């Protein structure tokens, strides 16, 4: 059984026991989070597709940790204009371990 779930405007495929790398979420490590924006639900026999969400379906996950991606360097340059700008960015993320996928 798996579900397509929307977390902070992005879609993720959630299976029981899988690890999801999502954008930074509020909360403490070990906290249980529940998401009810389930777009699609699939088990062995049938597929339920929401309009836009599947009614009564939830995904429960535990916040396992946080981290930061490697630095991405952004370099802007215009030739013959003496224009050079270097900028760096590191994206924060949260790791979620899917505990349960429930449907009514």
C-alpha atoms as a PDB file:
ATOM      1  CA  UNK A   1       0.000   0.000   0.000  1.00  0.00           C
ATOM      2  CA  UNK A   2       1.246   3.476  -0.831  1.00  0.00           C
ATOM      3  CA  UNK A   3      -0.100   7.005  -1.025  1.00  0.00           C
ATOM      4  CA  UNK A   4       0.711  10.188  -2.884  1.00  0.00           C
ATOM      5  CA  UNK A   5       0.686  12.901  -0.236  1.00  0.00           C
ATOM      6  CA  UNK A   6       1.015  16.678  -0.518  1.00  0.00           C
ATOM      7  CA  UNK A   7       3.333  18.256   2.060  1.00  0.00           C
ATOM      8  CA  UNK A   8       3.926  22.022   1.849  1.00  0.00           C
ATOM      9  CA  UNK A   9       2.769  22.159  -1.775  1.00  0.00           C
ATOM     10  CA  UNK A  10       4.988  19.297  -3.003  1.00  0.00           C
ATOM     11  CA  UNK A  11       3.983  15.732  -3.765  1.00  0.00           C
ATOM     12  CA  UNK A  12       5.689  12.671  -2.268  1.00  0.00           C
ATOM     13  CA  UNK A  13       5.170   8.924  -2.576  1.00  0.00           C
ATOM     14  CA  UNK A  14       4.730   7.536   0.942  1.00  0.00           C
ATOM     15  CA  UNK A  15       5.017   3.839   1.764  1.00  0.00           C
ATOM     16  CA  UNK A  16       4.992   2.364   5.267  1.00  0.00           C
ATOM     17  CA  UNK A  17       8.529   2.486   6.643  1.00  0.00           C
ATOM     18  CA  UNK A  18       9.898   4.751   3.900  1.00  0.00           C
ATOM     19  CA  UNK A  19      12.003   7.853   4.587  1.00  0.00           C
ATOM     20  CA  UNK A  20      10.876  11.161   3.042  1.00  0.00           C
ATOM     21  CA  UNK A  21      13.157  14.166   2.618  1.00  0.00           C
ATOM     22  CA  UNK A  22      10.887  17.231   2.733  1.00  0.00           C
ATOM     23  CA  UNK A  23      11.349  20.974   3.229  1.00  0.00           C
ATOM     24  CA  UNK A  24      11.977  22.165   6.785  1.00  0.00           C
ATOM     25  CA  UNK A  25       9.021  21.503   9.106  1.00  0.00           C
ATOM     26  CA  UNK A  26       8.311  22.926  12.572  1.00  0.00           C
ATOM     27  CA  UNK A  27       8.389  20.520  15.499  1.00  0.00           C
ATOM     28  CA  UNK A  28      10.833  18.502  17.558  1.00  0.00           C
ATOM     29  CA  UNK A  29      12.675  15.307  16.743  1.00  0.00           C
ATOM     30  CA  UNK A  30      10.546  12.251  17.529  1.00  0.00           C
ATOM     31  CA  UNK A  31       7.275  14.152  17.169  1.00  0.00           C
ATOM     32  CA  UNK A  32       4.450  12.437  15.261  1.00  0.00           C
ATOM     33  CA  UNK A  33       2.974  14.442  12.380  1.00  0.00           C
ATOM     34  CA  UNK A  34      -0.261  13.712  10.542  1.00  0.00           C
ATOM     35  CA  UNK A  35      -0.959  14.737   6.934  1.00  0.00           C
ATOM     36  CA  UNK A  36      -4.496  14.602   5.526  1.00  0.00           C
ATOM     37  CA  UNK A  37      -3.783  15.980   2.038  1.00  0.00           C
ATOM     38  CA  UNK A  38      -3.680  12.558   0.378  1.00  0.00           C
ATOM     39  CA  UNK A  39      -4.016  12.828  -3.405  1.00  0.00           C
ATOM     40  CA  UNK A  40      -4.049   9.110  -4.235  1.00  0.00           C
ATOM     41  CA  UNK A  41      -4.252   5.872  -2.275  1.00  0.00           C
ATOM     42  CA  UNK A  42      -3.312   2.457  -3.645  1.00  0.00           C
ATOM     43  CA  UNK A  43      -3.532  -0.977  -2.057  1.00  0.00           C
ATOM     44  CA  UNK A  44      -3.441  -4.479  -3.546  1.00  0.00           C
ATOM     45  CA  UNK A  45      -6.968  -4.394  -4.971  1.00  0.00           C
ATOM     46  CA  UNK A  46      -7.953  -0.837  -5.776  1.00  0.00           C
ATOM     47  CA  UNK A  47      -6.845   2.728  -6.434  1.00  0.00           C
ATOM     48  CA  UNK A  48      -8.612   5.735  -4.911  1.00  0.00           C
ATOM     49  CA  UNK A  49      -8.010   9.098  -6.537  1.00  0.00           C
ATOM     50  CA  UNK A  50      -9.083  12.237  -4.709  1.00  0.00           C
ATOM     51  CA  UNK A  51     -10.913  15.265  -6.060  1.00  0.00           C
ATOM     52  CA  UNK A  52      -8.554  16.902  -5.016  1.00  0.00           C
ATOM     53  CA  UNK A  53      -8.011  14.861  -1.803  1.00  0.00           C
ATOM     54  CA  UNK A  54      -9.120  11.380  -0.731  1.00  0.00           C
ATOM     55  CA  UNK A  55     -11.753  11.788   1.996  1.00  0.00           C
ATOM     56  CA  UNK A  56     -10.762  10.270   5.342  1.00  0.00           C
ATOM     57  CA  UNK A  57      -7.246   9.253   4.314  1.00  0.00           C
ATOM     58  CA  UNK A  58      -4.266  10.227   6.488  1.00  0.00           C
ATOM     59  CA  UNK A  59      -0.528   9.585   6.576  1.00  0.00           C
ATOM     60  CA  UNK A  60       1.242   9.494   9.946  1.00  0.00           C
ATOM     61  CA  UNK A  61       4.986  10.099  10.095  1.00  0.00           C
ATOM     62  CA  UNK A  62       7.659  10.675  12.731  1.00  0.00           C
ATOM     63  CA  UNK A  63      10.117  13.559  12.444  1.00  0.00           C
ATOM     64  CA  UNK A  64      13.482  11.759  12.508  1.00  0.00           C
ATOM     65  CA  UNK A  65      15.847  14.666  12.068  1.00  0.00           C
ATOM     66  CA  UNK A  66      16.907  17.757  10.228  1.00  0.00           C
ATOM     67  CA  UNK A  67      19.801  18.731   8.026  1.00  0.00           C
ATOM     68  CA  UNK A  68      21.125  21.005   5.328  1.00  0.00           C
ATOM     69  CA  UNK A  69      21.959  20.156   1.736  1.00  0.00           C
ATOM     70  CA  UNK A  70      25.406  20.854   0.276  1.00  0.00           C
ATOM     71  CA  UNK A  71      26.078  24.440  -0.757  1.00  0.00           C
ATOM     72  CA  UNK A  72      25.008  25.524  -4.229  1.00  0.00           C
ATOM     73  CA  UNK A  73      27.105  28.328  -5.725  1.00  0.00           C
ATOM     74  CA  UNK A  74      25.281  30.935  -7.826  1.00  0.00           C
ATOM     75  CA  UNK A  75      27.669  32.991  -9.993  1.00  0.00           C
ATOM     76  CA  UNK A  76      26.440  35.878 -12.129  1.00  0.00           C
ATOM     77  CA  UNK A  77      28.730  37.480 -14.684  1.00  0.00           C
ATOM     78  CA  UNK A  78      28.450  40.024 -17.478  1.00  0.00           C
ATOM     79  CA  UNK A  79      31.415  40.288 -19.749  1.00  0.00           C
ATOM     80  CA  UNK A  80      33.153  43.616 -20.251  1.00  0.00           C
ATOM     81  CA  UNK A  81      30.926  45.280 -17.624  1.00  0.00           C
ATOM     82  CA  UNK A  82      32.988  44.547 -14.494  1.00  0.00           C
ATOM     83  CA  UNK A  83      30.003  42.718 -12.983  1.00  0.00           C
ATOM     84  CA  UNK A  84      30.559  39.571 -10.930  1.00  0.00           C
ATOM     85  CA  UNK A  85      28.365  38.372  -8.066  1.00  0.00           C
ATOM     86  CA  UNK A  86      28.889  35.135  -6.155  1.00  0.00           C
ATOM     87  CA  UNK A  87      26.190  33.853  -3.856  1.00  0.00           C
ATOM     88  CA  UNK A  88      25.749  30.590  -1.966  1.00  0.00           C
ATOM     89  CA  UNK A  89      22.647  28.747  -0.760  1.00  0.00           C
ATOM     90  CA  UNK A  90      22.052  25.750   1.515  1.00  0.00           C
ATOM     91  CA  UNK A  91      18.534  24.286   1.652  1.00  0.00           C
ATOM     92  CA  UNK A  92      17.176  23.113   5.017  1.00  0.00           C
ATOM     93  CA  UNK A  93      15.312  19.789   5.077  1.00  0.00           C
ATOM     94  CA  UNK A  94      13.509  17.435   7.449  1.00  0.00           C
ATOM     95  CA  UNK A  95      13.521  13.629   7.387  1.00  0.00           C
ATOM     96  CA  UNK A  96      10.177  11.896   7.957  1.00  0.00           C
ATOM     97  CA  UNK A  97       9.717   8.166   8.609  1.00  0.00           C
ATOM     98  CA  UNK A  98       6.249   7.020   7.482  1.00  0.00           C
ATOM     99  CA  UNK A  99       4.533   5.052  10.279  1.00  0.00           C
ATOM    100  CA  UNK A 100       1.030   4.437   8.986  1.00  0.00           C
ATOM    101  CA  UNK A 101      -1.246   5.032   6.018  1.00  0.00           C
ATOM    102  CA  UNK A 102      -4.886   4.997   7.070  1.00  0.00           C
ATOM    103  CA  UNK A 103      -8.109   5.210   5.058  1.00  0.00           C
ATOM    104  CA  UNK A 104     -11.728   5.122   6.178  1.00  0.00           C
END
